[in-house]
Amino acid sequence: MLNFNKKGQTGETISWIIATIVIIGILILFIYLSTLLAKVKTIDVGNLRTDLSKNSLVLAEKTSIAHQLAGDKNKEVIDQIISEYDDK
């Protein structure tokens, strides 16, 4: 006859149930926190700002590169051309 150890099976089953409940609890917590963060419009960490317009960054980069390539000559003409393209 086989002698089954039912106390061992019960302990293992309880540990799996507790582990599953803990994992589900952590998942629910992360989902709740992500929905709270999704409602935030700006996240300000020190000097890092995420609410800046993407166009203003692109415009600043274009202007800087154009001025460097032209050797800082004809700044008004370069600024006019860049502003025409950004208005489109």
C-alpha atoms as a PDB file:
ATOM      1  CA  MET A   1       0.000   0.000   0.000  1.00  0.00           C
ATOM      2  CA  LEU A   2       1.064   3.516  -0.717  1.00  0.00           C
ATOM      3  CA  ASN A   3       1.112   5.979   2.139  1.00  0.00           C
ATOM      4  CA  PHE A   4       0.256   9.459   0.858  1.00  0.00           C
ATOM      5  CA  ASN A   5       1.453  12.445   2.860  1.00  0.00           C
ATOM      6  CA  LYS A   6      -1.683  14.624   2.931  1.00  0.00           C
ATOM      7  CA  LYS A   7      -0.121  17.217   5.254  1.00  0.00           C
ATOM      8  CA  GLY A   8       2.556  17.948   2.664  1.00  0.00           C
ATOM      9  CA  GLN A   9      -0.021  18.298  -0.101  1.00  0.00           C
ATOM     10  CA  THR A  10      -2.119  20.659   2.014  1.00  0.00           C
ATOM     11  CA  GLY A  11       0.874  22.869   2.862  1.00  0.00           C
ATOM     12  CA  GLU A  12       1.979  23.058  -0.751  1.00  0.00           C
ATOM     13  CA  THR A  13      -1.529  23.875  -1.933  1.00  0.00           C
ATOM     14  CA  ILE A  14      -1.914  26.674   0.630  1.00  0.00           C
ATOM     15  CA  SER A  15       1.449  28.181  -0.355  1.00  0.00           C
ATOM     16  CA  TRP A  16       0.455  28.197  -4.045  1.00  0.00           C
ATOM     17  CA  ILE A  17      -2.884  29.836  -3.223  1.00  0.00           C
ATOM     18  CA  ILE A  18      -1.166  32.544  -1.140  1.00  0.00           C
ATOM     19  CA  ALA A  19       1.434  33.152  -3.865  1.00  0.00           C
ATOM     20  CA  THR A  20      -1.319  33.477  -6.485  1.00  0.00           C
ATOM     21  CA  ILE A  21      -3.256  35.954  -4.338  1.00  0.00           C
ATOM     22  CA  VAL A  22      -0.096  38.037  -3.795  1.00  0.00           C
ATOM     23  CA  ILE A  23       0.664  38.118  -7.537  1.00  0.00           C
ATOM     24  CA  ILE A  24      -2.912  39.109  -8.396  1.00  0.00           C
ATOM     25  CA  GLY A  25      -2.766  41.831  -5.718  1.00  0.00           C
ATOM     26  CA  ILE A  26       0.458  43.243  -7.187  1.00  0.00           C
ATOM     27  CA  LEU A  27      -1.027  43.215 -10.691  1.00  0.00           C
ATOM     28  CA  ILE A  28      -4.142  45.063  -9.501  1.00  0.00           C
ATOM     29  CA  LEU A  29      -1.947  47.630  -7.735  1.00  0.00           C
ATOM     30  CA  PHE A  30       0.113  48.285 -10.878  1.00  0.00           C
ATOM     31  CA  ILE A  31      -3.001  48.597 -13.042  1.00  0.00           C
ATOM     32  CA  TYR A  32      -4.508  51.076 -10.578  1.00  0.00           C
ATOM     33  CA  LEU A  33      -1.315  53.138 -10.446  1.00  0.00           C
ATOM     34  CA  SER A  34      -1.013  53.189 -14.237  1.00  0.00           C
ATOM     35  CA  THR A  35      -4.569  54.496 -14.585  1.00  0.00           C
ATOM     36  CA  LEU A  36      -3.763  57.243 -12.086  1.00  0.00           C
ATOM     37  CA  LEU A  37      -0.627  58.186 -14.008  1.00  0.00           C
ATOM     38  CA  ALA A  38      -2.533  58.159 -17.302  1.00  0.00           C
ATOM     39  CA  LYS A  39      -4.739  60.971 -16.005  1.00  0.00           C
ATOM     40  CA  VAL A  40      -1.723  63.200 -15.247  1.00  0.00           C
ATOM     41  CA  LYS A  41      -1.106  65.750 -18.001  1.00  0.00           C
ATOM     42  CA  THR A  42       2.455  66.706 -17.052  1.00  0.00           C
ATOM     43  CA  ILE A  43       5.064  64.897 -15.057  1.00  0.00           C
ATOM     44  CA  ASP A  44       7.624  67.309 -13.643  1.00  0.00           C
ATOM     45  CA  VAL A  45      10.791  65.716 -12.306  1.00  0.00           C
ATOM     46  CA  GLY A  46      13.222  68.464 -11.337  1.00  0.00           C
ATOM     47  CA  ASN A  47      13.966  70.459 -14.465  1.00  0.00           C
ATOM     48  CA  LEU A  48      12.596  67.791 -16.786  1.00  0.00           C
ATOM     49  CA  ARG A  49       9.406  69.025 -18.416  1.00  0.00           C
ATOM     50  CA  THR A  50       7.279  66.806 -20.621  1.00  0.00           C
ATOM     51  CA  ASP A  51       4.625  69.344 -21.552  1.00  0.00           C
ATOM     52  CA  LEU A  52       6.847  71.241 -23.991  1.00  0.00           C
ATOM     53  CA  SER A  53       5.628  71.447 -27.532  1.00  0.00           C
ATOM     54  CA  LYS A  54       7.360  69.070 -29.893  1.00  0.00           C
ATOM     55  CA  ASN A  55       7.305  71.704 -32.607  1.00  0.00           C
ATOM     56  CA  SER A  56       9.264  74.163 -30.488  1.00  0.00           C
ATOM     57  CA  LEU A  57      12.033  71.594 -29.955  1.00  0.00           C
ATOM     58  CA  VAL A  58      12.179  70.751 -33.648  1.00  0.00           C
ATOM     59  CA  LEU A  59      12.195  74.437 -34.559  1.00  0.00           C
ATOM     60  CA  ALA A  60      15.032  75.148 -32.126  1.00  0.00           C
ATOM     61  CA  GLU A  61      17.089  72.279 -33.532  1.00  0.00           C
ATOM     62  CA  LYS A  62      16.470  73.354 -37.130  1.00  0.00           C
ATOM     63  CA  THR A  63      17.376  76.937 -36.357  1.00  0.00           C
ATOM     64  CA  SER A  64      20.557  75.967 -34.532  1.00  0.00           C
ATOM     65  CA  ILE A  65      21.726  73.663 -37.333  1.00  0.00           C
ATOM     66  CA  ALA A  66      20.905  76.232 -40.000  1.00  0.00           C
ATOM     67  CA  HIS A  67      22.829  78.964 -38.196  1.00  0.00           C
ATOM     68  CA  GLN A  68      25.838  76.689 -37.723  1.00  0.00           C
ATOM     69  CA  LEU A  69      25.867  75.644 -41.384  1.00  0.00           C
ATOM     70  CA  ALA A  70      25.594  79.246 -42.555  1.00  0.00           C
ATOM     71  CA  GLY A  71      28.295  80.406 -40.166  1.00  0.00           C
ATOM     72  CA  ASP A  72      25.837  82.759 -38.408  1.00  0.00           C
ATOM     73  CA  LYS A  73      25.323  84.755 -41.628  1.00  0.00           C
ATOM     74  CA  ASN A  74      21.864  85.696 -42.926  1.00  0.00           C
ATOM     75  CA  LYS A  75      20.083  84.833 -39.658  1.00  0.00           C
ATOM     76  CA  GLU A  76      16.947  86.735 -40.696  1.00  0.00           C
ATOM     77  CA  VAL A  77      16.659  84.830 -43.985  1.00  0.00           C
ATOM     78  CA  ILE A  78      17.169  81.469 -42.270  1.00  0.00           C
ATOM     79  CA  ASP A  79      14.604  82.278 -39.577  1.00  0.00           C
ATOM     80  CA  GLN A  80      12.084  83.350 -42.226  1.00  0.00           C
ATOM     81  CA  ILE A  81      12.521  80.155 -44.243  1.00  0.00           C
ATOM     82  CA  ILE A  82      12.183  77.925 -41.165  1.00  0.00           C
ATOM     83  CA  SER A  83       9.070  79.773 -39.974  1.00  0.00           C
ATOM     84  CA  GLU A  84       7.474  79.351 -43.430  1.00  0.00           C
ATOM     85  CA  TYR A  85       7.978  75.565 -43.298  1.00  0.00           C
ATOM     86  CA  ASP A  86       6.677  75.305 -39.727  1.00  0.00           C
ATOM     87  CA  ASP A  87       3.498  77.220 -40.578  1.00  0.00           C
ATOM     88  CA  LYS A  88       2.546  74.587 -43.149  1.00  0.00           C
END
